Amino acid sequence: MNLIPVVSRDLSAVGYDQNTQQLEIVFNSGGVYLYSGVTSDEYQGLMNASSKGRYFHTFINHHPYVRI
C-alpha cells in the first residue's frame, strides 16, 4: 500500500486500498494501524478534510482495526 504523507497533528501518513477497503494510518506517535471497511468516500473525506485528526476521530475511528 502506498503511503501519502499528510499534514496533521495526529496523523503522519495515510494509505488506502480501494479493492479491500483497508486504510492504513501512521500516527505521529509512531503507531501504525490498519482499518477495515473504510469506503472510498470516507477515504476521500479524510484526505480532503481541513482537520484530518478530527475527521479520523469522527468518521474512521469506529471501524475495526489492527495494529501493525
PDB file of N, CA and C in Angstrom:
ATOM      1  N   MET A   1       0.855  -1.167   0.000  1.00  0.00           N
ATOM      2  CA  MET A   1       0.000   0.000   0.000  1.00  0.00           C
ATOM      3  C   MET A   1       0.904   1.235   0.000  1.00  0.00           C
ATOM      4  N   ASN A   2       0.636   2.149  -0.901  1.00  0.00           N
ATOM      5  CA  ASN A   2       1.410   3.386  -0.963  1.00  0.00           C
ATOM      6  C   ASN A   2       0.918   4.353   0.099  1.00  0.00           C
ATOM      7  N   LEU A   3       1.848   4.846   0.889  1.00  0.00           N
ATOM      8  CA  LEU A   3       1.506   5.813   1.935  1.00  0.00           C
ATOM      9  C   LEU A   3       1.753   7.222   1.434  1.00  0.00           C
ATOM     10  N   ILE A   4       0.820   8.102   1.749  1.00  0.00           N
ATOM     11  CA  ILE A   4       0.913   9.507   1.364  1.00  0.00           C
ATOM     12  C   ILE A   4       1.120  10.325   2.634  1.00  0.00           C
ATOM     13  N   PRO A   5       2.203  11.088   2.709  1.00  0.00           N
ATOM     14  CA  PRO A   5       2.398  11.958   3.882  1.00  0.00           C
ATOM     15  C   PRO A   5       1.281  12.993   3.971  1.00  0.00           C
ATOM     16  N   VAL A   6       0.828  13.274   5.186  1.00  0.00           N
ATOM     17  CA  VAL A   6      -0.208  14.284   5.405  1.00  0.00           C
ATOM     18  C   VAL A   6       0.252  15.260   6.477  1.00  0.00           C
ATOM     19  N   VAL A   7      -0.326  16.441   6.433  1.00  0.00           N
ATOM     20  CA  VAL A   7      -0.040  17.460   7.440  1.00  0.00           C
ATOM     21  C   VAL A   7      -1.140  17.385   8.485  1.00  0.00           C
ATOM     22  N   SER A   8      -0.772  16.979   9.692  1.00  0.00           N
ATOM     23  CA  SER A   8      -1.743  16.805  10.759  1.00  0.00           C
ATOM     24  C   SER A   8      -1.002  16.725  12.084  1.00  0.00           C
ATOM     25  N   ARG A   9      -1.650  17.162  13.158  1.00  0.00           N
ATOM     26  CA  ARG A   9      -1.067  16.998  14.493  1.00  0.00           C
ATOM     27  C   ARG A   9      -1.072  15.540  14.924  1.00  0.00           C
ATOM     28  N   ASP A  10      -2.036  14.757  14.415  1.00  0.00           N
ATOM     29  CA  ASP A  10      -2.204  13.374  14.847  1.00  0.00           C
ATOM     30  C   ASP A  10      -1.653  12.350  13.855  1.00  0.00           C
ATOM     31  N   LEU A  11      -1.858  12.587  12.564  1.00  0.00           N
ATOM     32  CA  LEU A  11      -1.534  11.612  11.526  1.00  0.00           C
ATOM     33  C   LEU A  11      -0.281  12.030  10.774  1.00  0.00           C
ATOM     34  N   SER A  12       0.529  11.033  10.420  1.00  0.00           N
ATOM     35  CA  SER A  12       1.757  11.282   9.673  1.00  0.00           C
ATOM     36  C   SER A  12       1.620  10.897   8.204  1.00  0.00           C
ATOM     37  N   ALA A  13       0.974   9.737   7.948  1.00  0.00           N
ATOM     38  CA  ALA A  13       0.814   9.252   6.576  1.00  0.00           C
ATOM     39  C   ALA A  13      -0.427   8.372   6.496  1.00  0.00           C
ATOM     40  N   VAL A  14      -0.984   8.293   5.280  1.00  0.00           N
ATOM     41  CA  VAL A  14      -2.213   7.541   5.052  1.00  0.00           C
ATOM     42  C   VAL A  14      -2.074   6.751   3.753  1.00  0.00           C
ATOM     43  N   GLY A  15      -2.541   5.517   3.764  1.00  0.00           N
ATOM     44  CA  GLY A  15      -2.606   4.705   2.560  1.00  0.00           C
ATOM     45  C   GLY A  15      -3.965   4.050   2.464  1.00  0.00           C
ATOM     46  N   TYR A  16      -4.427   3.797   1.231  1.00  0.00           N
ATOM     47  CA  TYR A  16      -5.767   3.217   1.059  1.00  0.00           C
ATOM     48  C   TYR A  16      -5.757   2.223  -0.089  1.00  0.00           C
ATOM     49  N   ASP A  17      -6.413   1.084   0.125  1.00  0.00           N
ATOM     50  CA  ASP A  17      -6.618   0.079  -0.907  1.00  0.00           C
ATOM     51  C   ASP A  17      -8.122  -0.023  -1.157  1.00  0.00           C
ATOM     52  N   GLN A  18      -8.546   0.490  -2.309  1.00  0.00           N
ATOM     53  CA  GLN A  18      -9.969   0.526  -2.624  1.00  0.00           C
ATOM     54  C   GLN A  18     -10.546  -0.877  -2.797  1.00  0.00           C
ATOM     55  N   ASN A  19      -9.757  -1.814  -3.313  1.00  0.00           N
ATOM     56  CA  ASN A  19     -10.249  -3.175  -3.545  1.00  0.00           C
ATOM     57  C   ASN A  19     -10.604  -3.890  -2.250  1.00  0.00           C
ATOM     58  N   THR A  20      -9.805  -3.692  -1.215  1.00  0.00           N
ATOM     59  CA  THR A  20     -10.058  -4.359   0.068  1.00  0.00           C
ATOM     60  C   THR A  20     -10.717  -3.438   1.092  1.00  0.00           C
ATOM     61  N   GLN A  21     -10.871  -2.173   0.746  1.00  0.00           N
ATOM     62  CA  GLN A  21     -11.420  -1.149   1.647  1.00  0.00           C
ATOM     63  C   GLN A  21     -10.633  -1.085   2.956  1.00  0.00           C
ATOM     64  N   GLN A  22      -9.310  -1.149   2.840  1.00  0.00           N
ATOM     65  CA  GLN A  22      -8.447  -1.044   4.013  1.00  0.00           C
ATOM     66  C   GLN A  22      -7.701   0.284   3.983  1.00  0.00           C
ATOM     67  N   LEU A  23      -7.659   0.908   5.136  1.00  0.00           N
ATOM     68  CA  LEU A  23      -6.996   2.196   5.309  1.00  0.00           C
ATOM     69  C   LEU A  23      -5.866   2.013   6.311  1.00  0.00           C
ATOM     70  N   GLU A  24      -4.661   2.370   5.897  1.00  0.00           N
ATOM     71  CA  GLU A  24      -3.510   2.301   6.788  1.00  0.00           C
ATOM     72  C   GLU A  24      -3.174   3.711   7.245  1.00  0.00           C
ATOM     73  N   ILE A  25      -3.004   3.875   8.541  1.00  0.00           N
ATOM     74  CA  ILE A  25      -2.673   5.189   9.091  1.00  0.00           C
ATOM     75  C   ILE A  25      -1.427   5.063   9.958  1.00  0.00           C
ATOM     76  N   VAL A  26      -0.475   5.940   9.691  1.00  0.00           N
ATOM     77  CA  VAL A  26       0.712   6.069  10.523  1.00  0.00           C
ATOM     78  C   VAL A  26       0.493   7.318  11.377  1.00  0.00           C
ATOM     79  N   PHE A  27       0.520   7.141  12.679  1.00  0.00           N
ATOM     80  CA  PHE A  27       0.299   8.249  13.593  1.00  0.00           C
ATOM     81  C   PHE A  27       1.627   8.905  13.965  1.00  0.00           C
ATOM     82  N   ASN A  28       1.579  10.172  14.282  1.00  0.00           N
ATOM     83  CA  ASN A  28       2.777  10.887  14.714  1.00  0.00           C
ATOM     84  C   ASN A  28       3.376  10.274  15.972  1.00  0.00           C
ATOM     85  N   SER A  29       2.573   9.584  16.748  1.00  0.00           N
ATOM     86  CA  SER A  29       3.048   8.929  17.965  1.00  0.00           C
ATOM     87  C   SER A  29       3.865   7.673  17.653  1.00  0.00           C
ATOM     88  N   GLY A  30       3.834   7.225  16.387  1.00  0.00           N
ATOM     89  CA  GLY A  30       4.605   6.068  15.976  1.00  0.00           C
ATOM     90  C   GLY A  30       3.782   4.827  15.705  1.00  0.00           C
ATOM     91  N   GLY A  31       2.538   4.788  16.125  1.00  0.00           N
ATOM     92  CA  GLY A  31       1.688   3.633  15.877  1.00  0.00           C
ATOM     93  C   GLY A  31       1.249   3.555  14.426  1.00  0.00           C
ATOM     94  N   VAL A  32       1.105   2.330  13.932  1.00  0.00           N
ATOM     95  CA  VAL A  32       0.615   2.096  12.575  1.00  0.00           C
ATOM     96  C   VAL A  32      -0.574   1.151  12.684  1.00  0.00           C
ATOM     97  N   TYR A  33      -1.704   1.559  12.112  1.00  0.00           N
ATOM     98  CA  TYR A  33      -2.939   0.802  12.231  1.00  0.00           C
ATOM     99  C   TYR A  33      -3.567   0.591  10.874  1.00  0.00           C
ATOM    100  N   LEU A  34      -4.249  -0.551  10.723  1.00  0.00           N
ATOM    101  CA  LEU A  34      -4.959  -0.894   9.504  1.00  0.00           C
ATOM    102  C   LEU A  34      -6.441  -0.994   9.843  1.00  0.00           C
ATOM    103  N   TYR A  35      -7.244  -0.145   9.213  1.00  0.00           N
ATOM    104  CA  TYR A  35      -8.690  -0.085   9.448  1.00  0.00           C
ATOM    105  C   TYR A  35      -9.411  -0.774   8.307  1.00  0.00           C
ATOM    106  N   SER A  36     -10.412  -1.587   8.622  1.00  0.00           N
ATOM    107  CA  SER A  36     -11.167  -2.346   7.633  1.00  0.00           C
ATOM    108  C   SER A  36     -12.534  -1.724   7.390  1.00  0.00           C
ATOM    109  N   GLY A  37     -13.054  -1.949   6.172  1.00  0.00           N
ATOM    110  CA  GLY A  37     -14.409  -1.495   5.846  1.00  0.00           C
ATOM    111  C   GLY A  37     -14.527  -0.004   5.620  1.00  0.00           C
ATOM    112  N   VAL A  38     -13.432   0.641   5.261  1.00  0.00           N
ATOM    113  CA  VAL A  38     -13.445   2.088   5.025  1.00  0.00           C
ATOM    114  C   VAL A  38     -13.800   2.320   3.562  1.00  0.00           C
ATOM    115  N   THR A  39     -14.868   3.054   3.317  1.00  0.00           N
ATOM    116  CA  THR A  39     -15.298   3.301   1.939  1.00  0.00           C
ATOM    117  C   THR A  39     -14.388   4.329   1.269  1.00  0.00           C
ATOM    118  N   SER A  40     -14.432   4.348  -0.037  1.00  0.00           N
ATOM    119  CA  SER A  40     -13.629   5.328  -0.771  1.00  0.00           C
ATOM    120  C   SER A  40     -14.097   6.747  -0.464  1.00  0.00           C
ATOM    121  N   ASP A  41     -15.397   6.924  -0.201  1.00  0.00           N
ATOM    122  CA  ASP A  41     -15.903   8.249   0.185  1.00  0.00           C
ATOM    123  C   ASP A  41     -15.310   8.692   1.523  1.00  0.00           C
ATOM    124  N   GLU A  42     -15.201   7.768   2.465  1.00  0.00           N
ATOM    125  CA  GLU A  42     -14.598   8.105   3.760  1.00  0.00           C
ATOM    126  C   GLU A  42     -13.122   8.450   3.589  1.00  0.00           C
ATOM    127  N   TYR A  43     -12.426   7.691   2.751  1.00  0.00           N
ATOM    128  CA  TYR A  43     -11.011   7.981   2.491  1.00  0.00           C
ATOM    129  C   TYR A  43     -10.855   9.362   1.860  1.00  0.00           C
ATOM    130  N   GLN A  44     -11.663   9.646   0.845  1.00  0.00           N
ATOM    131  CA  GLN A  44     -11.577  10.959   0.193  1.00  0.00           C
ATOM    132  C   GLN A  44     -11.917  12.078   1.179  1.00  0.00           C
ATOM    133  N   GLY A  45     -12.897  11.828   2.037  1.00  0.00           N
ATOM    134  CA  GLY A  45     -13.243  12.810   3.055  1.00  0.00           C
ATOM    135  C   GLY A  45     -12.071  13.091   3.980  1.00  0.00           C
ATOM    136  N   LEU A  46     -11.360  12.028   4.370  1.00  0.00           N
ATOM    137  CA  LEU A  46     -10.185  12.186   5.228  1.00  0.00           C
ATOM    138  C   LEU A  46      -9.116  13.012   4.525  1.00  0.00           C
ATOM    139  N   MET A  47      -8.841  12.673   3.284  1.00  0.00           N
ATOM    140  CA  MET A  47      -7.773  13.356   2.561  1.00  0.00           C
ATOM    141  C   MET A  47      -8.111  14.817   2.263  1.00  0.00           C
ATOM    142  N   ASN A  48      -9.400  15.129   2.160  1.00  0.00           N
ATOM    143  CA  ASN A  48      -9.818  16.498   1.861  1.00  0.00           C
ATOM    144  C   ASN A  48     -10.148  17.319   3.104  1.00  0.00           C
ATOM    145  N   ALA A  49     -10.142  16.690   4.261  1.00  0.00           N
ATOM    146  CA  ALA A  49     -10.532  17.379   5.498  1.00  0.00           C
ATOM    147  C   ALA A  49      -9.495  18.429   5.896  1.00  0.00           C
ATOM    148  N   SER A  50      -9.980  19.558   6.374  1.00  0.00           N
ATOM    149  CA  SER A  50      -9.064  20.586   6.864  1.00  0.00           C
ATOM    150  C   SER A  50      -8.410  20.141   8.171  1.00  0.00           C
ATOM    151  N   SER A  51      -9.120  19.322   8.949  1.00  0.00           N
ATOM    152  CA  SER A  51      -8.547  18.735  10.161  1.00  0.00           C
ATOM    153  C   SER A  51      -8.639  17.215  10.030  1.00  0.00           C
ATOM    154  N   LYS A  52      -7.551  16.604   9.631  1.00  0.00           N
ATOM    155  CA  LYS A  52      -7.552  15.160   9.420  1.00  0.00           C
ATOM    156  C   LYS A  52      -7.756  14.398  10.734  1.00  0.00           C
ATOM    157  N   GLY A  53      -7.198  14.907  11.814  1.00  0.00           N
ATOM    158  CA  GLY A  53      -7.389  14.266  13.102  1.00  0.00           C
ATOM    159  C   GLY A  53      -8.842  14.272  13.527  1.00  0.00           C
ATOM    160  N   ARG A  54      -9.509  15.389  13.372  1.00  0.00           N
ATOM    161  CA  ARG A  54     -10.929  15.496  13.740  1.00  0.00           C
ATOM    162  C   ARG A  54     -11.767  14.571  12.858  1.00  0.00           C
ATOM    163  N   TYR A  55     -11.479  14.570  11.556  1.00  0.00           N
ATOM    164  CA  TYR A  55     -12.220  13.695  10.637  1.00  0.00           C
ATOM    165  C   TYR A  55     -12.004  12.237  11.023  1.00  0.00           C
ATOM    166  N   PHE A  56     -10.767  11.865  11.301  1.00  0.00           N
ATOM    167  CA  PHE A  56     -10.467  10.497  11.697  1.00  0.00           C
ATOM    168  C   PHE A  56     -11.282  10.090  12.923  1.00  0.00           C
ATOM    169  N   HIS A  57     -11.273  10.905  13.948  1.00  0.00           N
ATOM    170  CA  HIS A  57     -11.972  10.560  15.196  1.00  0.00           C
ATOM    171  C   HIS A  57     -13.480  10.506  15.006  1.00  0.00           C
ATOM    172  N   THR A  58     -14.014  11.279  14.057  1.00  0.00           N
ATOM    173  CA  THR A  58     -15.453  11.308  13.829  1.00  0.00           C
ATOM    174  C   THR A  58     -15.925  10.193  12.901  1.00  0.00           C
ATOM    175  N   PHE A  59     -15.180   9.904  11.820  1.00  0.00           N
ATOM    176  CA  PHE A  59     -15.690   9.019  10.772  1.00  0.00           C
ATOM    177  C   PHE A  59     -14.924   7.704  10.586  1.00  0.00           C
ATOM    178  N   ILE A  60     -13.690   7.603  11.036  1.00  0.00           N
ATOM    179  CA  ILE A  60     -12.879   6.417  10.763  1.00  0.00           C
ATOM    180  C   ILE A  60     -12.668   5.562  12.012  1.00  0.00           C
ATOM    181  N   ASN A  61     -12.529   6.189  13.141  1.00  0.00           N
ATOM    182  CA  ASN A  61     -12.127   5.511  14.373  1.00  0.00           C
ATOM    183  C   ASN A  61     -13.059   4.373  14.800  1.00  0.00           C
ATOM    184  N   HIS A  62     -14.303   4.349  14.342  1.00  0.00           N
ATOM    185  CA  HIS A  62     -15.251   3.302  14.736  1.00  0.00           C
ATOM    186  C   HIS A  62     -15.073   2.002  13.933  1.00  0.00           C
ATOM    187  N   HIS A  63     -14.285   2.041  12.868  1.00  0.00           N
ATOM    188  CA  HIS A  63     -14.058   0.851  12.040  1.00  0.00           C
ATOM    189  C   HIS A  63     -13.182  -0.165  12.777  1.00  0.00           C
ATOM    190  N   PRO A  64     -13.349  -1.451  12.483  1.00  0.00           N
ATOM    191  CA  PRO A  64     -12.455  -2.470  13.062  1.00  0.00           C
ATOM    192  C   PRO A  64     -11.014  -2.190  12.623  1.00  0.00           C
ATOM    193  N   TYR A  65     -10.067  -2.470  13.505  1.00  0.00           N
ATOM    194  CA  TYR A  65      -8.663  -2.182  13.175  1.00  0.00           C
ATOM    195  C   TYR A  65      -7.747  -3.186  13.843  1.00  0.00           C
ATOM    196  N   VAL A  66      -6.523  -3.237  13.317  1.00  0.00           N
ATOM    197  CA  VAL A  66      -5.441  -3.991  13.943  1.00  0.00           C
ATOM    198  C   VAL A  66      -4.208  -3.104  13.933  1.00  0.00           C
ATOM    199  N   ARG A  67      -3.398  -3.239  14.952  1.00  0.00           N
ATOM    200  CA  ARG A  67      -2.115  -2.528  14.972  1.00  0.00           C
ATOM    201  C   ARG A  67      -1.114  -3.377  14.200  1.00  0.00           C
ATOM    202  N   ILE A  68      -0.369  -2.732  13.318  1.00  0.00           N
ATOM    203  CA  ILE A  68       0.611  -3.488  12.515  1.00  0.00           C
ATOM    204  C   ILE A  68       2.012  -2.965  12.762  1.00  0.00           C
TER     205      ILE A  68
END
